[in-house]
Amino acid sequence: MAAKKYNISVEATLEVIGGKWKCVILCHLTHGKKRTSELKRLMPSITQKMLTQQLRELEEDGIINRITYNQVPPKVEYELSEYGWSLQSILDALCNWGLGHIERKYGDADTMLEDSVLNR
């Protein structure tokens, strides 16, 4: 099988972090380890199936670590891997651009953003 070729390197980036939810998950994980239920609460619009799928894909790509605690009931947390932390400048740039876009389009970002630790 021939190795995959990209037309431009940003394709490789988007293959890993593209889509509606992956960057949002990663931004939440920049604030520390999270359980699946915490991520679901922070992103109420995501379905459980989609959250699980996105977490699995990020783990497969080495962007996040899944930590399983051997206890009853079982406890699982997710955190950014060392490789995942290399995305921080990209995530910061996306957040900054989005804030500017909201202000340009709607005027006041405070009225358009949910009250969240990510928006403080």
C-alpha atoms as a PDB file:
ATOM      1  CA  MET A   1       0.000   0.000   0.000  1.00  0.00           C
ATOM      2  CA  ALA A   2       1.329   3.425  -0.940  1.00  0.00           C
ATOM      3  CA  ALA A   3       1.892   6.001   1.790  1.00  0.00           C
ATOM      4  CA  LYS A   4      -0.705   8.748   1.981  1.00  0.00           C
ATOM      5  CA  LYS A   5       0.222  12.025   0.320  1.00  0.00           C
ATOM      6  CA  TYR A   6      -1.087  15.437   1.328  1.00  0.00           C
ATOM      7  CA  ASN A   7      -1.544  18.397  -1.012  1.00  0.00           C
ATOM      8  CA  ILE A   8      -0.653  20.800   1.795  1.00  0.00           C
ATOM      9  CA  SER A   9       0.490  20.207   5.377  1.00  0.00           C
ATOM     10  CA  VAL A  10      -2.606  21.785   6.949  1.00  0.00           C
ATOM     11  CA  GLU A  11      -4.496  18.703   5.705  1.00  0.00           C
ATOM     12  CA  ALA A  12      -2.503  16.586   8.139  1.00  0.00           C
ATOM     13  CA  THR A  13      -3.378  18.956  10.981  1.00  0.00           C
ATOM     14  CA  LEU A  14      -7.070  18.949  10.124  1.00  0.00           C
ATOM     15  CA  GLU A  15      -7.047  15.167   9.809  1.00  0.00           C
ATOM     16  CA  VAL A  16      -6.120  15.028  13.509  1.00  0.00           C
ATOM     17  CA  ILE A  17      -7.982  18.005  15.041  1.00  0.00           C
ATOM     18  CA  GLY A  18     -10.606  18.794  12.407  1.00  0.00           C
ATOM     19  CA  GLY A  19     -14.325  18.627  12.959  1.00  0.00           C
ATOM     20  CA  LYS A  20     -16.754  20.382  15.240  1.00  0.00           C
ATOM     21  CA  TRP A  21     -15.703  18.927  18.591  1.00  0.00           C
ATOM     22  CA  LYS A  22     -12.035  17.944  18.746  1.00  0.00           C
ATOM     23  CA  CYS A  23     -10.653  21.438  19.321  1.00  0.00           C
ATOM     24  CA  VAL A  24     -13.334  22.111  21.930  1.00  0.00           C
ATOM     25  CA  ILE A  25     -12.366  18.915  23.770  1.00  0.00           C
ATOM     26  CA  LEU A  26      -8.694  19.854  23.566  1.00  0.00           C
ATOM     27  CA  CYS A  27      -9.337  23.369  24.872  1.00  0.00           C
ATOM     28  CA  HIS A  28     -11.133  21.923  27.898  1.00  0.00           C
ATOM     29  CA  LEU A  29      -8.238  19.532  28.510  1.00  0.00           C
ATOM     30  CA  THR A  30      -5.772  22.442  28.566  1.00  0.00           C
ATOM     31  CA  HIS A  31      -7.390  23.228  31.935  1.00  0.00           C
ATOM     32  CA  GLY A  32      -6.583  19.811  33.374  1.00  0.00           C
ATOM     33  CA  LYS A  33      -7.711  16.215  33.428  1.00  0.00           C
ATOM     34  CA  LYS A  34     -11.383  15.602  32.800  1.00  0.00           C
ATOM     35  CA  ARG A  35     -13.705  12.646  33.158  1.00  0.00           C
ATOM     36  CA  THR A  36     -16.063  11.853  30.313  1.00  0.00           C
ATOM     37  CA  SER A  37     -19.016  13.101  32.345  1.00  0.00           C
ATOM     38  CA  GLU A  38     -17.238  16.426  32.992  1.00  0.00           C
ATOM     39  CA  LEU A  39     -16.579  16.896  29.280  1.00  0.00           C
ATOM     40  CA  LYS A  40     -20.210  16.075  28.497  1.00  0.00           C
ATOM     41  CA  ARG A  41     -21.379  18.657  31.031  1.00  0.00           C
ATOM     42  CA  LEU A  42     -19.021  21.273  29.545  1.00  0.00           C
ATOM     43  CA  MET A  43     -20.302  20.503  26.034  1.00  0.00           C
ATOM     44  CA  PRO A  44     -24.035  19.840  26.441  1.00  0.00           C
ATOM     45  CA  SER A  45     -24.694  19.828  22.669  1.00  0.00           C
ATOM     46  CA  ILE A  46     -22.415  16.863  21.958  1.00  0.00           C
ATOM     47  CA  THR A  47     -23.937  13.404  22.008  1.00  0.00           C
ATOM     48  CA  GLN A  48     -22.373  10.728  24.189  1.00  0.00           C
ATOM     49  CA  LYS A  49     -21.643   8.655  21.082  1.00  0.00           C
ATOM     50  CA  MET A  50     -19.835  11.546  19.368  1.00  0.00           C
ATOM     51  CA  LEU A  51     -17.867  12.408  22.512  1.00  0.00           C
ATOM     52  CA  THR A  52     -16.714   8.807  22.881  1.00  0.00           C
ATOM     53  CA  GLN A  53     -15.767   8.631  19.194  1.00  0.00           C
ATOM     54  CA  GLN A  54     -13.805  11.890  19.300  1.00  0.00           C
ATOM     55  CA  LEU A  55     -11.966  10.871  22.478  1.00  0.00           C
ATOM     56  CA  ARG A  56     -11.010   7.526  20.926  1.00  0.00           C
ATOM     57  CA  GLU A  57      -9.706   9.204  17.764  1.00  0.00           C
ATOM     58  CA  LEU A  58      -7.662  11.736  19.736  1.00  0.00           C
ATOM     59  CA  GLU A  59      -6.245   8.911  21.840  1.00  0.00           C
ATOM     60  CA  GLU A  60      -5.380   6.852  18.734  1.00  0.00           C
ATOM     61  CA  ASP A  61      -3.531   9.853  17.299  1.00  0.00           C
ATOM     62  CA  GLY A  62      -1.538  10.251  20.518  1.00  0.00           C
ATOM     63  CA  ILE A  63      -3.019  13.673  21.307  1.00  0.00           C
ATOM     64  CA  ILE A  64      -4.625  12.660  24.606  1.00  0.00           C
ATOM     65  CA  ASN A  65      -3.964  10.039  27.260  1.00  0.00           C
ATOM     66  CA  ARG A  66      -6.712   7.885  28.718  1.00  0.00           C
ATOM     67  CA  ILE A  67      -6.028   7.156  32.370  1.00  0.00           C
ATOM     68  CA  THR A  68      -7.902   4.231  33.889  1.00  0.00           C
ATOM     69  CA  TYR A  69      -7.985   3.871  37.668  1.00  0.00           C
ATOM     70  CA  ASN A  70      -8.356   0.352  39.039  1.00  0.00           C
ATOM     71  CA  GLN A  71     -11.198   0.967  41.466  1.00  0.00           C
ATOM     72  CA  VAL A  72     -14.890   0.326  41.935  1.00  0.00           C
ATOM     73  CA  PRO A  73     -16.719   1.997  40.351  1.00  0.00           C
ATOM     74  CA  PRO A  74     -14.272   2.337  37.442  1.00  0.00           C
ATOM     75  CA  LYS A  75     -12.814   5.790  36.922  1.00  0.00           C
ATOM     76  CA  VAL A  76     -11.415   7.086  33.627  1.00  0.00           C
ATOM     77  CA  GLU A  77      -9.864  10.493  33.008  1.00  0.00           C
ATOM     78  CA  TYR A  78      -8.456  12.142  29.905  1.00  0.00           C
ATOM     79  CA  GLU A  79      -5.523  14.521  29.696  1.00  0.00           C
ATOM     80  CA  LEU A  80      -3.426  16.067  26.970  1.00  0.00           C
ATOM     81  CA  SER A  81      -0.372  14.020  26.121  1.00  0.00           C
ATOM     82  CA  GLU A  82       3.014  15.664  25.733  1.00  0.00           C
ATOM     83  CA  TYR A  83       2.384  15.583  21.985  1.00  0.00           C
ATOM     84  CA  GLY A  84      -1.078  17.081  22.542  1.00  0.00           C
ATOM     85  CA  TRP A  85       0.407  20.022  24.432  1.00  0.00           C
ATOM     86  CA  SER A  86       2.290  20.908  21.225  1.00  0.00           C
ATOM     87  CA  LEU A  87      -1.115  22.062  19.889  1.00  0.00           C
ATOM     88  CA  GLN A  88      -1.521  24.754  22.548  1.00  0.00           C
ATOM     89  CA  SER A  89      -0.390  27.647  20.342  1.00  0.00           C
ATOM     90  CA  ILE A  90      -2.794  26.497  17.604  1.00  0.00           C
ATOM     91  CA  LEU A  91      -5.681  26.256  20.077  1.00  0.00           C
ATOM     92  CA  ASP A  92      -4.849  29.698  21.524  1.00  0.00           C
ATOM     93  CA  ALA A  93      -4.759  31.187  18.017  1.00  0.00           C
ATOM     94  CA  LEU A  94      -8.145  29.627  17.172  1.00  0.00           C
ATOM     95  CA  CYS A  95      -9.676  31.010  20.380  1.00  0.00           C
ATOM     96  CA  ASN A  96      -8.268  34.489  19.753  1.00  0.00           C
ATOM     97  CA  TRP A  97      -9.440  34.518  16.160  1.00  0.00           C
ATOM     98  CA  GLY A  98     -12.903  33.311  17.205  1.00  0.00           C
ATOM     99  CA  LEU A  99     -13.179  36.054  19.816  1.00  0.00           C
ATOM    100  CA  GLY A 100     -12.290  38.674  17.222  1.00  0.00           C
ATOM    101  CA  HIS A 101     -14.789  37.183  14.801  1.00  0.00           C
ATOM    102  CA  ILE A 102     -17.584  37.234  17.400  1.00  0.00           C
ATOM    103  CA  GLU A 103     -16.810  40.876  18.224  1.00  0.00           C
ATOM    104  CA  ARG A 104     -16.716  41.820  14.535  1.00  0.00           C
ATOM    105  CA  LYS A 105     -19.957  40.042  13.703  1.00  0.00           C
ATOM    106  CA  TYR A 106     -21.992  40.612  16.879  1.00  0.00           C
ATOM    107  CA  GLY A 107     -20.274  43.506  18.653  1.00  0.00           C
ATOM    108  CA  ASP A 108     -20.198  42.311  22.242  1.00  0.00           C
ATOM    109  CA  ALA A 109     -18.529  38.948  22.836  1.00  0.00           C
ATOM    110  CA  ASP A 110     -19.798  38.762  26.431  1.00  0.00           C
ATOM    111  CA  THR A 111     -23.396  38.433  25.275  1.00  0.00           C
ATOM    112  CA  MET A 112     -22.512  35.750  22.719  1.00  0.00           C
ATOM    113  CA  LEU A 113     -20.297  33.499  24.872  1.00  0.00           C
ATOM    114  CA  GLU A 114     -21.498  31.049  27.500  1.00  0.00           C
ATOM    115  CA  ASP A 115     -20.248  31.543  31.050  1.00  0.00           C
ATOM    116  CA  SER A 116     -17.344  29.086  31.014  1.00  0.00           C
ATOM    117  CA  VAL A 117     -13.841  28.798  32.409  1.00  0.00           C
ATOM    118  CA  LEU A 118     -12.651  28.936  28.808  1.00  0.00           C
ATOM    119  CA  ASN A 119     -14.224  32.368  28.331  1.00  0.00           C
ATOM    120  CA  ARG A 120     -12.675  34.100  31.320  1.00  0.00           C
END
